[in-house]
PDB file of N, CA and C in Angstrom:
ATOM      1  N   MET A   1      21.620 -16.707   1.701  1.00  0.00           N
ATOM      2  CA  MET A   1      22.724 -17.396   1.076  1.00  0.00           C
ATOM      3  C   MET A   1      23.425 -16.516   0.046  1.00  0.00           C
ATOM      4  N   LEU A   2      22.639 -15.675  -0.623  1.00  0.00           N
ATOM      5  CA  LEU A   2      23.248 -14.778  -1.611  1.00  0.00           C
ATOM      6  C   LEU A   2      24.223 -13.806  -0.948  1.00  0.00           C
ATOM      7  N   LEU A   3      23.811 -13.250   0.180  1.00  0.00           N
ATOM      8  CA  LEU A   3      24.708 -12.336   0.899  1.00  0.00           C
ATOM      9  C   LEU A   3      25.966 -13.064   1.348  1.00  0.00           C
ATOM     10  N   ALA A   4      25.794 -14.286   1.819  1.00  0.00           N
ATOM     11  CA  ALA A   4      26.942 -15.082   2.273  1.00  0.00           C
ATOM     12  C   ALA A   4      27.875 -15.387   1.106  1.00  0.00           C
ATOM     13  N   LYS A   5      27.307 -15.825  -0.010  1.00  0.00           N
ATOM     14  CA  LYS A   5      28.145 -16.164  -1.166  1.00  0.00           C
ATOM     15  C   LYS A   5      28.878 -14.951  -1.718  1.00  0.00           C
ATOM     16  N   ALA A   6      28.283 -13.774  -1.544  1.00  0.00           N
ATOM     17  CA  ALA A   6      28.920 -12.541  -2.009  1.00  0.00           C
ATOM     18  C   ALA A   6      29.950 -12.026  -1.011  1.00  0.00           C
ATOM     19  N   GLY A   7      30.078 -12.704   0.135  1.00  0.00           N
ATOM     20  CA  GLY A   7      31.042 -12.290   1.146  1.00  0.00           C
ATOM     21  C   GLY A   7      30.574 -11.136   2.013  1.00  0.00           C
ATOM     22  N   LEU A   8      29.300 -10.764   1.897  1.00  0.00           N
ATOM     23  CA  LEU A   8      28.783  -9.613   2.636  1.00  0.00           C
ATOM     24  C   LEU A   8      28.493  -9.910   4.102  1.00  0.00           C
ATOM     25  N   LEU A   9      28.606 -11.174   4.493  1.00  0.00           N
ATOM     26  CA  LEU A   9      28.403 -11.539   5.898  1.00  0.00           C
ATOM     27  C   LEU A   9      29.719 -11.873   6.598  1.00  0.00           C
ATOM     28  N   ASP A  10      30.825 -11.803   5.875  1.00  0.00           N
ATOM     29  CA  ASP A  10      32.131 -12.126   6.461  1.00  0.00           C
ATOM     30  C   ASP A  10      32.411 -11.244   7.678  1.00  0.00           C
ATOM     31  N   GLY A  11      32.750 -11.883   8.780  1.00  0.00           N
ATOM     32  CA  GLY A  11      33.074 -11.170  10.006  1.00  0.00           C
ATOM     33  C   GLY A  11      31.867 -10.652  10.764  1.00  0.00           C
ATOM     34  N   LEU A  12      30.679 -10.985  10.293  1.00  0.00           N
ATOM     35  CA  LEU A  12      29.450 -10.509  10.916  1.00  0.00           C
ATOM     36  C   LEU A  12      28.662 -11.663  11.520  1.00  0.00           C
ATOM     37  N   GLU A  13      27.553 -11.338  12.163  1.00  0.00           N
ATOM     38  CA  GLU A  13      26.638 -12.335  12.704  1.00  0.00           C
ATOM     39  C   GLU A  13      25.438 -12.444  11.776  1.00  0.00           C
ATOM     40  N   ALA A  14      24.822 -13.635  11.734  1.00  0.00           N
ATOM     41  CA  ALA A  14      23.658 -13.838  10.882  1.00  0.00           C
ATOM     42  C   ALA A  14      22.848 -15.021  11.395  1.00  0.00           C
ATOM     43  N   THR A  15      21.661 -15.166  10.826  1.00  0.00           N
ATOM     44  CA  THR A  15      20.832 -16.333  11.064  1.00  0.00           C
ATOM     45  C   THR A  15      20.071 -16.636   9.788  1.00  0.00           C
ATOM     46  N   THR A  16      19.401 -17.765   9.780  1.00  0.00           N
ATOM     47  CA  THR A  16      18.572 -18.152   8.642  1.00  0.00           C
ATOM     48  C   THR A  16      17.568 -19.195   9.114  1.00  0.00           C
ATOM     49  N   HIS A  17      16.780 -19.693   8.213  1.00  0.00           N
ATOM     50  CA  HIS A  17      15.802 -20.740   8.511  1.00  0.00           C
ATOM     51  C   HIS A  17      16.497 -21.937   9.161  1.00  0.00           C
ATOM     52  N   HIS A  18      15.850 -22.523  10.144  1.00  0.00           N
ATOM     53  CA  HIS A  18      16.472 -23.642  10.871  1.00  0.00           C
ATOM     54  C   HIS A  18      16.902 -24.782   9.965  1.00  0.00           C
ATOM     55  N   GLY A  19      16.234 -24.939   8.851  1.00  0.00           N
ATOM     56  CA  GLY A  19      16.601 -26.008   7.924  1.00  0.00           C
ATOM     57  C   GLY A  19      17.825 -25.699   7.077  1.00  0.00           C
ATOM     58  N   ALA A  20      18.314 -24.461   7.164  1.00  0.00           N
ATOM     59  CA  ALA A  20      19.463 -24.056   6.341  1.00  0.00           C
ATOM     60  C   ALA A  20      20.653 -23.580   7.171  1.00  0.00           C
ATOM     61  N   ILE A  21      20.601 -23.777   8.482  1.00  0.00           N
ATOM     62  CA  ILE A  21      21.696 -23.320   9.354  1.00  0.00           C
ATOM     63  C   ILE A  21      23.026 -23.955   8.942  1.00  0.00           C
ATOM     64  N   ASP A  22      23.039 -25.263   8.767  1.00  0.00           N
ATOM     65  CA  ASP A  22      24.290 -25.936   8.398  1.00  0.00           C
ATOM     66  C   ASP A  22      24.801 -25.457   7.044  1.00  0.00           C
ATOM     67  N   LEU A  23      23.898 -25.226   6.106  1.00  0.00           N
ATOM     68  CA  LEU A  23      24.293 -24.727   4.787  1.00  0.00           C
ATOM     69  C   LEU A  23      24.898 -23.329   4.909  1.00  0.00           C
ATOM     70  N   LEU A  24      24.278 -22.467   5.715  1.00  0.00           N
ATOM     71  CA  LEU A  24      24.831 -21.126   5.894  1.00  0.00           C
ATOM     72  C   LEU A  24      26.216 -21.196   6.527  1.00  0.00           C
ATOM     73  N   ARG A  25      26.389 -22.063   7.503  1.00  0.00           N
ATOM     74  CA  ARG A  25      27.707 -22.218   8.130  1.00  0.00           C
ATOM     75  C   ARG A  25      28.743 -22.685   7.102  1.00  0.00           C
ATOM     76  N   ALA A  26      28.330 -23.559   6.185  1.00  0.00           N
ATOM     77  CA  ALA A  26      29.254 -24.060   5.162  1.00  0.00           C
ATOM     78  C   ALA A  26      29.578 -22.984   4.132  1.00  0.00           C
ATOM     79  N   VAL A  27      28.575 -22.215   3.743  1.00  0.00           N
ATOM     80  CA  VAL A  27      28.753 -21.186   2.718  1.00  0.00           C
ATOM     81  C   VAL A  27      29.479 -19.966   3.275  1.00  0.00           C
ATOM     82  N   ALA A  28      29.308 -19.716   4.580  1.00  0.00           N
ATOM     83  CA  ALA A  28      29.871 -18.504   5.195  1.00  0.00           C
ATOM     84  C   ALA A  28      30.719 -18.861   6.416  1.00  0.00           C
ATOM     85  N   PRO A  29      31.860 -19.492   6.211  1.00  0.00           N
ATOM     86  CA  PRO A  29      32.675 -19.926   7.351  1.00  0.00           C
ATOM     87  C   PRO A  29      33.232 -18.779   8.192  1.00  0.00           C
ATOM     88  N   ARG A  30      33.248 -17.571   7.660  1.00  0.00           N
ATOM     89  CA  ARG A  30      33.760 -16.420   8.418  1.00  0.00           C
ATOM     90  C   ARG A  30      32.625 -15.618   9.072  1.00  0.00           C
ATOM     91  N   THR A  31      31.437 -16.238   9.125  1.00  0.00           N
ATOM     92  CA  THR A  31      30.268 -15.602   9.722  1.00  0.00           C
ATOM     93  C   THR A  31      29.886 -16.348  10.988  1.00  0.00           C
ATOM     94  N   THR A  32      29.535 -15.620  12.028  1.00  0.00           N
ATOM     95  CA  THR A  32      29.008 -16.240  13.242  1.00  0.00           C
ATOM     96  C   THR A  32      27.527 -16.470  13.013  1.00  0.00           C
ATOM     97  N   VAL A  33      27.134 -17.735  12.914  1.00  0.00           N
ATOM     98  CA  VAL A  33      25.752 -18.100  12.606  1.00  0.00           C
ATOM     99  C   VAL A  33      25.035 -18.460  13.901  1.00  0.00           C
ATOM    100  N   HIS A  34      23.914 -17.801  14.149  1.00  0.00           N
ATOM    101  CA  HIS A  34      23.119 -18.040  15.351  1.00  0.00           C
ATOM    102  C   HIS A  34      21.883 -18.867  14.998  1.00  0.00           C
ATOM    103  N   ALA A  35      21.851 -20.095  15.462  1.00  0.00           N
ATOM    104  CA  ALA A  35      20.705 -20.965  15.206  1.00  0.00           C
ATOM    105  C   ALA A  35      19.568 -20.695  16.184  1.00  0.00           C
ATOM    106  N   ASP A  36      19.853 -19.986  17.260  1.00  0.00           N
ATOM    107  CA  ASP A  36      18.878 -19.796  18.331  1.00  0.00           C
ATOM    108  C   ASP A  36      18.231 -18.412  18.347  1.00  0.00           C
ATOM    109  N   ARG A  37      18.441 -17.621  17.303  1.00  0.00           N
ATOM    110  CA  ARG A  37      17.880 -16.265  17.274  1.00  0.00           C
ATOM    111  C   ARG A  37      16.918 -16.111  16.124  1.00  0.00           C
ATOM    112  N   ARG A  38      15.814 -15.413  16.385  1.00  0.00           N
ATOM    113  CA  ARG A  38      14.779 -15.211  15.368  1.00  0.00           C
ATOM    114  C   ARG A  38      15.253 -14.252  14.285  1.00  0.00           C
ATOM    115  N   PHE A  39      16.006 -13.244  14.682  1.00  0.00           N
ATOM    116  CA  PHE A  39      16.611 -12.345  13.700  1.00  0.00           C
ATOM    117  C   PHE A  39      17.904 -11.807  14.277  1.00  0.00           C
ATOM    118  N   VAL A  40      18.748 -11.318  13.392  1.00  0.00           N
ATOM    119  CA  VAL A  40      20.036 -10.753  13.786  1.00  0.00           C
ATOM    120  C   VAL A  40      20.191  -9.407  13.094  1.00  0.00           C
ATOM    121  N   ASP A  41      20.533  -8.397  13.886  1.00  0.00           N
ATOM    122  CA  ASP A  41      20.886  -7.081  13.359  1.00  0.00           C
ATOM    123  C   ASP A  41      22.354  -6.889  13.700  1.00  0.00           C
ATOM    124  N   ASN A  42      23.221  -7.032  12.709  1.00  0.00           N
ATOM    125  CA  ASN A  42      24.657  -6.939  12.971  1.00  0.00           C
ATOM    126  C   ASN A  42      25.198  -5.535  12.702  1.00  0.00           C
ATOM    127  N   GLY A  43      24.300  -4.586  12.482  1.00  0.00           N
ATOM    128  CA  GLY A  43      24.709  -3.222  12.229  1.00  0.00           C
ATOM    129  C   GLY A  43      24.821  -2.882  10.755  1.00  0.00           C
ATOM    130  N   ARG A  44      24.997  -3.895   9.937  1.00  0.00           N
ATOM    131  CA  ARG A  44      25.106  -3.707   8.485  1.00  0.00           C
ATOM    132  C   ARG A  44      23.982  -4.397   7.739  1.00  0.00           C
ATOM    133  N   VAL A  45      23.644  -5.586   8.208  1.00  0.00           N
ATOM    134  CA  VAL A  45      22.627  -6.411   7.571  1.00  0.00           C
ATOM    135  C   VAL A  45      21.681  -6.904   8.659  1.00  0.00           C
ATOM    136  N   VAL A  46      20.388  -6.914   8.351  1.00  0.00           N
ATOM    137  CA  VAL A  46      19.399  -7.482   9.258  1.00  0.00           C
ATOM    138  C   VAL A  46      18.814  -8.696   8.547  1.00  0.00           C
ATOM    139  N   CYS A  47      18.877  -9.854   9.198  1.00  0.00           N
ATOM    140  CA  CYS A  47      18.359 -11.074   8.573  1.00  0.00           C
ATOM    141  C   CYS A  47      17.503 -11.835   9.580  1.00  0.00           C
ATOM    142  N   SER A  48      16.549 -12.607   9.062  1.00  0.00           N
ATOM    143  CA  SER A  48      15.653 -13.345   9.950  1.00  0.00           C
ATOM    144  C   SER A  48      15.677 -14.824   9.634  1.00  0.00           C
ATOM    145  N   ALA A  49      15.108 -15.588  10.570  1.00  0.00           N
ATOM    146  CA  ALA A  49      15.151 -17.038  10.475  1.00  0.00           C
ATOM    147  C   ALA A  49      13.980 -17.616   9.680  1.00  0.00           C
ATOM    148  N   VAL A  50      12.781 -17.190   9.961  1.00  0.00           N
ATOM    149  CA  VAL A  50      11.593 -17.759   9.304  1.00  0.00           C
ATOM    150  C   VAL A  50      10.576 -16.641   9.074  1.00  0.00           C
ATOM    151  N   ILE A  51       9.392 -16.988   8.591  1.00  0.00           N
ATOM    152  CA  ILE A  51       8.399 -15.981   8.206  1.00  0.00           C
ATOM    153  C   ILE A  51       7.976 -15.099   9.375  1.00  0.00           C
ATOM    154  N   ALA A  52       7.533 -15.675  10.472  1.00  0.00           N
ATOM    155  CA  ALA A  52       7.112 -14.868  11.625  1.00  0.00           C
ATOM    156  C   ALA A  52       8.283 -14.060  12.169  1.00  0.00           C
ATOM    157  N   ALA A  53       9.467 -14.625  12.138  1.00  0.00           N
ATOM    158  CA  ALA A  53      10.656 -13.892  12.575  1.00  0.00           C
ATOM    159  C   ALA A  53      10.920 -12.716  11.642  1.00  0.00           C
ATOM    160  N   GLY A  54      10.528 -12.831  10.393  1.00  0.00           N
ATOM    161  CA  GLY A  54      10.661 -11.729   9.450  1.00  0.00           C
ATOM    162  C   GLY A  54       9.770 -10.560   9.836  1.00  0.00           C
ATOM    163  N   ILE A  55       8.609 -10.856  10.411  1.00  0.00           N
ATOM    164  CA  ILE A  55       7.741  -9.789  10.915  1.00  0.00           C
ATOM    165  C   ILE A  55       8.421  -9.116  12.105  1.00  0.00           C
ATOM    166  N   ASP A  56       8.965  -9.917  13.019  1.00  0.00           N
ATOM    167  CA  ASP A  56       9.706  -9.368  14.161  1.00  0.00           C
ATOM    168  C   ASP A  56      10.861  -8.489  13.673  1.00  0.00           C
ATOM    169  N   MET A  57      11.591  -8.990  12.684  1.00  0.00           N
ATOM    170  CA  MET A  57      12.719  -8.252  12.125  1.00  0.00           C
ATOM    171  C   MET A  57      12.239  -6.936  11.513  1.00  0.00           C
ATOM    172  N   SER A  58      11.137  -6.981  10.781  1.00  0.00           N
ATOM    173  CA  SER A  58      10.606  -5.775  10.140  1.00  0.00           C
ATOM    174  C   SER A  58      10.201  -4.729  11.171  1.00  0.00           C
ATOM    175  N   LEU A  59       9.557  -5.164  12.252  1.00  0.00           N
ATOM    176  CA  LEU A  59       9.179  -4.237  13.312  1.00  0.00           C
ATOM    177  C   LEU A  59      10.426  -3.668  13.997  1.00  0.00           C
ATOM    178  N   HIS A  60      11.458  -4.487  14.121  1.00  0.00           N
ATOM    179  CA  HIS A  60      12.732  -4.009  14.665  1.00  0.00           C
ATOM    180  C   HIS A  60      13.299  -2.895  13.782  1.00  0.00           C
ATOM    181  N   VAL A  61      13.258  -3.096  12.476  1.00  0.00           N
ATOM    182  CA  VAL A  61      13.771  -2.085  11.541  1.00  0.00           C
ATOM    183  C   VAL A  61      12.923  -0.813  11.618  1.00  0.00           C
ATOM    184  N   VAL A  62      11.596  -0.959  11.709  1.00  0.00           N
ATOM    185  CA  VAL A  62      10.736   0.213  11.882  1.00  0.00           C
ATOM    186  C   VAL A  62      11.155   0.971  13.135  1.00  0.00           C
ATOM    187  N   GLY A  63      11.388   0.227  14.224  1.00  0.00           N
ATOM    188  CA  GLY A  63      11.826   0.856  15.462  1.00  0.00           C
ATOM    189  C   GLY A  63      13.171   1.537  15.325  1.00  0.00           C
ATOM    190  N   ARG A  64      14.056   0.916  14.608  1.00  0.00           N
ATOM    191  CA  ARG A  64      15.395   1.486  14.408  1.00  0.00           C
ATOM    192  C   ARG A  64      15.334   2.774  13.591  1.00  0.00           C
ATOM    193  N   LEU A  65      14.459   2.793  12.591  1.00  0.00           N
ATOM    194  CA  LEU A  65      14.367   3.947  11.708  1.00  0.00           C
ATOM    195  C   LEU A  65      13.446   5.048  12.227  1.00  0.00           C
ATOM    196  N   LEU A  66      12.334   4.647  12.846  1.00  0.00           N
ATOM    197  CA  LEU A  66      11.304   5.623  13.217  1.00  0.00           C
ATOM    198  C   LEU A  66      11.025   5.704  14.706  1.00  0.00           C
ATOM    199  N   GLY A  67      11.661   4.836  15.479  1.00  0.00           N
ATOM    200  CA  GLY A  67      11.466   4.850  16.923  1.00  0.00           C
ATOM    201  C   GLY A  67      10.593   3.695  17.408  1.00  0.00           C
ATOM    202  N   ARG A  68      10.866   3.307  18.623  1.00  0.00           N
ATOM    203  CA  ARG A  68      10.164   2.160  19.208  1.00  0.00           C
ATOM    204  C   ARG A  68       8.658   2.404  19.301  1.00  0.00           C
ATOM    205  N   GLU A  69       8.262   3.618  19.614  1.00  0.00           N
ATOM    206  CA  GLU A  69       6.832   3.921  19.734  1.00  0.00           C
ATOM    207  C   GLU A  69       6.093   3.639  18.423  1.00  0.00           C
ATOM    208  N   VAL A  70       6.689   4.016  17.304  1.00  0.00           N
ATOM    209  CA  VAL A  70       6.068   3.761  15.994  1.00  0.00           C
ATOM    210  C   VAL A  70       6.005   2.259  15.731  1.00  0.00           C
ATOM    211  N   ALA A  71       7.067   1.533  16.094  1.00  0.00           N
ATOM    212  CA  ALA A  71       7.069   0.076  15.904  1.00  0.00           C
ATOM    213  C   ALA A  71       5.990  -0.583  16.753  1.00  0.00           C
ATOM    214  N   GLU A  72       5.845  -0.140  17.993  1.00  0.00           N
ATOM    215  CA  GLU A  72       4.814  -0.716  18.868  1.00  0.00           C
ATOM    216  C   GLU A  72       3.417  -0.393  18.343  1.00  0.00           C
ATOM    217  N   LYS A  73       3.222   0.829  17.860  1.00  0.00           N
ATOM    218  CA  LYS A  73       1.929   1.210  17.288  1.00  0.00           C
ATOM    219  C   LYS A  73       1.629   0.376  16.042  1.00  0.00           C
ATOM    220  N   THR A  74       2.641   0.152  15.232  1.00  0.00           N
ATOM    221  CA  THR A  74       2.473  -0.672  14.030  1.00  0.00           C
ATOM    222  C   THR A  74       2.075  -2.095  14.407  1.00  0.00           C
ATOM    223  N   ALA A  75       2.734  -2.663  15.407  1.00  0.00           N
ATOM    224  CA  ALA A  75       2.409  -4.024  15.859  1.00  0.00           C
ATOM    225  C   ALA A  75       0.975  -4.088  16.376  1.00  0.00           C
ATOM    226  N   ARG A  76       0.557  -3.070  17.137  1.00  0.00           N
ATOM    227  CA  ARG A  76      -0.824  -3.046  17.636  1.00  0.00           C
ATOM    228  C   ARG A  76      -1.810  -2.964  16.480  1.00  0.00           C
ATOM    229  N   GLN A  77      -1.493  -2.130  15.497  1.00  0.00           N
ATOM    230  CA  GLN A  77      -2.378  -1.983  14.330  1.00  0.00           C
ATOM    231  C   GLN A  77      -2.517  -3.317  13.588  1.00  0.00           C
ATOM    232  N   MET A  78      -1.436  -4.072  13.542  1.00  0.00           N
ATOM    233  CA  MET A  78      -1.433  -5.382  12.873  1.00  0.00           C
ATOM    234  C   MET A  78      -2.051  -6.469  13.748  1.00  0.00           C
ATOM    235  N   ASP A  79      -2.290  -6.141  15.034  1.00  0.00           N
ATOM    236  CA  ASP A  79      -2.718  -7.121  16.024  1.00  0.00           C
ATOM    237  C   ASP A  79      -1.707  -8.264  16.105  1.00  0.00           C
ATOM    238  N   TYR A  80      -0.448  -7.848  16.114  1.00  0.00           N
ATOM    239  CA  TYR A  80       0.666  -8.802  16.157  1.00  0.00           C
ATOM    240  C   TYR A  80       1.320  -8.733  17.535  1.00  0.00           C
ATOM    241  N   PRO A  81       1.487  -9.864  18.196  1.00  0.00           N
ATOM    242  CA  PRO A  81       2.062  -9.880  19.563  1.00  0.00           C
ATOM    243  C   PRO A  81       3.580  -9.716  19.561  1.00  0.00           C
ATOM    244  N   TRP A  82       4.038  -8.532  19.228  1.00  0.00           N
ATOM    245  CA  TRP A  82       5.462  -8.256  19.119  1.00  0.00           C
ATOM    246  C   TRP A  82       6.069  -7.990  20.488  1.00  0.00           C
ATOM    247  N   GLU A  83       7.189  -8.621  20.750  1.00  0.00           N
ATOM    248  CA  GLU A  83       7.953  -8.398  21.975  1.00  0.00           C
ATOM    249  C   GLU A  83       9.373  -8.020  21.560  1.00  0.00           C
ATOM    250  N   PRO A  84       9.678  -6.722  21.601  1.00  0.00           N
ATOM    251  CA  PRO A  84      11.018  -6.277  21.193  1.00  0.00           C
ATOM    252  C   PRO A  84      12.110  -6.987  21.994  1.00  0.00           C
ATOM    253  N   THR A  85      13.187  -7.332  21.313  1.00  0.00           N
ATOM    254  CA  THR A  85      14.292  -8.010  21.984  1.00  0.00           C
ATOM    255  C   THR A  85      15.315  -7.027  22.505  1.00  0.00           C
ATOM    256  N   VAL A  86      15.228  -5.787  22.079  1.00  0.00           N
ATOM    257  CA  VAL A  86      16.200  -4.772  22.513  1.00  0.00           C
ATOM    258  C   VAL A  86      15.462  -3.635  23.178  1.00  0.00           C
TER     259      VAL A  86
END
């Protein structure tokens, strides 16, 4: 919500917790809000919907920065059943 109120999501895609989707849409009318996605990487901001989705998002960022192999190794080390979306 802070990013939305600051206008940093204007013209971008985002998501949030299912209980706050309507609030995000109200606060950020110039943002495409996805209620059906666990996380969104719009190229500028990466945001997630809930706690487990935050883990998925974090592994996505690891993959983006260090490569998919490192992200997969990290997920295995955590014993986390990560399934990359990209």
